[in-house]
C-alpha atoms as a PDB file:
ATOM      1  CA  UNK A   1      -9.223  -8.722 -22.288  1.00  0.00           C
ATOM      2  CA  UNK A   2      -7.110  -5.771 -21.102  1.00  0.00           C
ATOM      3  CA  UNK A   3      -5.831  -3.372 -23.686  1.00  0.00           C
ATOM      4  CA  UNK A   4      -2.086  -3.476 -24.382  1.00  0.00           C
ATOM      5  CA  UNK A   5      -0.188  -0.592 -22.859  1.00  0.00           C
ATOM      6  CA  UNK A   6       0.723   2.046 -25.390  1.00  0.00           C
ATOM      7  CA  UNK A   7       3.616   4.465 -25.314  1.00  0.00           C
ATOM      8  CA  UNK A   8       1.515   6.870 -23.246  1.00  0.00           C
ATOM      9  CA  UNK A   9       0.839   4.218 -20.556  1.00  0.00           C
ATOM     10  CA  UNK A  10       3.913   2.925 -18.763  1.00  0.00           C
ATOM     11  CA  UNK A  11       3.974  -0.148 -16.531  1.00  0.00           C
ATOM     12  CA  UNK A  12       6.376   1.611 -14.153  1.00  0.00           C
ATOM     13  CA  UNK A  13       6.431   5.002 -12.467  1.00  0.00           C
ATOM     14  CA  UNK A  14       9.358   6.984 -11.099  1.00  0.00           C
ATOM     15  CA  UNK A  15       9.215   8.024  -7.445  1.00  0.00           C
ATOM     16  CA  UNK A  16       7.769  11.513  -8.138  1.00  0.00           C
ATOM     17  CA  UNK A  17       5.133  10.096 -10.501  1.00  0.00           C
ATOM     18  CA  UNK A  18       4.272   7.281  -8.083  1.00  0.00           C
ATOM     19  CA  UNK A  19       3.811   9.858  -5.329  1.00  0.00           C
ATOM     20  CA  UNK A  20       1.519  11.852  -7.601  1.00  0.00           C
ATOM     21  CA  UNK A  21      -0.377   8.650  -8.486  1.00  0.00           C
ATOM     22  CA  UNK A  22      -0.909   7.930  -4.768  1.00  0.00           C
ATOM     23  CA  UNK A  23      -1.724  11.548  -3.929  1.00  0.00           C
ATOM     24  CA  UNK A  24       1.139  11.970  -1.461  1.00  0.00           C
ATOM     25  CA  UNK A  25       4.326  14.024  -1.469  1.00  0.00           C
ATOM     26  CA  UNK A  26       7.477  12.594  -3.063  1.00  0.00           C
ATOM     27  CA  UNK A  27       9.254  13.177   0.257  1.00  0.00           C
ATOM     28  CA  UNK A  28       6.761  10.940   2.084  1.00  0.00           C
ATOM     29  CA  UNK A  29       7.290   8.170  -0.457  1.00  0.00           C
ATOM     30  CA  UNK A  30      11.070   8.612  -0.215  1.00  0.00           C
ATOM     31  CA  UNK A  31      10.936   8.343   3.603  1.00  0.00           C
ATOM     32  CA  UNK A  32       8.717   5.250   3.416  1.00  0.00           C
ATOM     33  CA  UNK A  33      11.211   3.648   1.026  1.00  0.00           C
ATOM     34  CA  UNK A  34      14.121   4.524   3.314  1.00  0.00           C
ATOM     35  CA  UNK A  35      12.277   2.974   6.295  1.00  0.00           C
ATOM     36  CA  UNK A  36      11.261  -0.045   4.188  1.00  0.00           C
ATOM     37  CA  UNK A  37       7.591   0.864   4.529  1.00  0.00           C
ATOM     38  CA  UNK A  38       5.076   1.691   1.854  1.00  0.00           C
ATOM     39  CA  UNK A  39       4.667   0.125  -1.563  1.00  0.00           C
ATOM     40  CA  UNK A  40       7.348  -2.135  -3.024  1.00  0.00           C
ATOM     41  CA  UNK A  41       9.935  -0.426  -5.199  1.00  0.00           C
ATOM     42  CA  UNK A  42      13.119  -1.311  -7.036  1.00  0.00           C
ATOM     43  CA  UNK A  43      16.006   0.333  -8.813  1.00  0.00           C
ATOM     44  CA  UNK A  44      16.188   0.453 -12.578  1.00  0.00           C
ATOM     45  CA  UNK A  45      19.644   1.815 -13.143  1.00  0.00           C
ATOM     46  CA  UNK A  46      19.820   4.932 -10.962  1.00  0.00           C
ATOM     47  CA  UNK A  47      16.074   5.482 -10.816  1.00  0.00           C
ATOM     48  CA  UNK A  48      13.724   4.216  -8.135  1.00  0.00           C
ATOM     49  CA  UNK A  49      10.723   2.675  -9.854  1.00  0.00           C
ATOM     50  CA  UNK A  50       7.287   1.447  -8.810  1.00  0.00           C
ATOM     51  CA  UNK A  51       5.060  -0.986 -10.706  1.00  0.00           C
ATOM     52  CA  UNK A  52       1.574   0.450 -11.132  1.00  0.00           C
ATOM     53  CA  UNK A  53       0.072  -2.955 -10.358  1.00  0.00           C
ATOM     54  CA  UNK A  54       2.102  -3.109  -7.110  1.00  0.00           C
ATOM     55  CA  UNK A  55       0.872   0.360  -6.131  1.00  0.00           C
ATOM     56  CA  UNK A  56      -2.741  -0.664  -6.721  1.00  0.00           C
ATOM     57  CA  UNK A  57      -2.269  -3.881  -4.727  1.00  0.00           C
ATOM     58  CA  UNK A  58      -0.593  -1.987  -1.884  1.00  0.00           C
ATOM     59  CA  UNK A  59      -3.515   0.453  -1.708  1.00  0.00           C
ATOM     60  CA  UNK A  60      -5.976  -2.472  -1.576  1.00  0.00           C
ATOM     61  CA  UNK A  61      -3.946  -4.015   1.254  1.00  0.00           C
ATOM     62  CA  UNK A  62      -4.048  -0.714   3.147  1.00  0.00           C
ATOM     63  CA  UNK A  63      -7.827  -0.567   2.764  1.00  0.00           C
ATOM     64  CA  UNK A  64      -8.230  -4.125   4.047  1.00  0.00           C
ATOM     65  CA  UNK A  65      -5.963  -3.436   7.044  1.00  0.00           C
ATOM     66  CA  UNK A  66      -8.082  -0.449   8.120  1.00  0.00           C
ATOM     67  CA  UNK A  67     -11.032  -1.238  10.393  1.00  0.00           C
ATOM     68  CA  UNK A  68     -13.024   1.603   8.822  1.00  0.00           C
ATOM     69  CA  UNK A  69     -12.903  -0.126   5.439  1.00  0.00           C
ATOM     70  CA  UNK A  70     -12.939  -3.731   6.613  1.00  0.00           C
ATOM     71  CA  UNK A  71     -15.879  -4.546   8.893  1.00  0.00           C
ATOM     72  CA  UNK A  72     -14.226  -7.801   9.986  1.00  0.00           C
ATOM     73  CA  UNK A  73     -11.551  -5.736  11.757  1.00  0.00           C
ATOM     74  CA  UNK A  74     -13.985  -3.295  13.380  1.00  0.00           C
ATOM     75  CA  UNK A  75     -13.646  -3.789  17.158  1.00  0.00           C
ATOM     76  CA  UNK A  76     -17.279  -2.786  17.625  1.00  0.00           C
ATOM     77  CA  UNK A  77     -18.385  -5.850  15.639  1.00  0.00           C
ATOM     78  CA  UNK A  78     -16.493  -8.308  17.845  1.00  0.00           C
ATOM     79  CA  UNK A  79     -18.074 -10.217  20.685  1.00  0.00           C
ATOM     80  CA  UNK A  80     -16.687  -9.366  24.111  1.00  0.00           C
ATOM     81  CA  UNK A  81     -14.104 -11.844  25.328  1.00  0.00           C
ATOM     82  CA  UNK A  82     -14.513 -13.557  28.670  1.00  0.00           C
ATOM     83  CA  UNK A  83     -11.681 -13.368  31.105  1.00  0.00           C
ATOM     84  CA  UNK A  84     -10.049 -16.649  31.904  1.00  0.00           C
ATOM     85  CA  UNK A  85      -9.816 -17.668  35.542  1.00  0.00           C
ATOM     86  CA  UNK A  86      -6.324 -17.051  36.831  1.00  0.00           C
ATOM     87  CA  UNK A  87      -4.482 -20.048  38.229  1.00  0.00           C
ATOM     88  CA  UNK A  88      -3.476 -19.667  41.871  1.00  0.00           C
END
């Protein structure tokens, strides 16, 4: 059973803390948000917030979308496709 979050562990992170958590610059995270890319975020009052669970899920999704991490997507593991005969 997971431990309850104490005062030192928040369920949400501000944009600068989320950027630190992901190991990227706050500007990169801000640009991703502006372009509607990157992890899901929301406003809590005037602050942009990120759920830690959403950040973790987003990172997992990025890993699965990368052919280096997901062998099923590796083009070298695929069988060559046969060309279909063109209709004349």
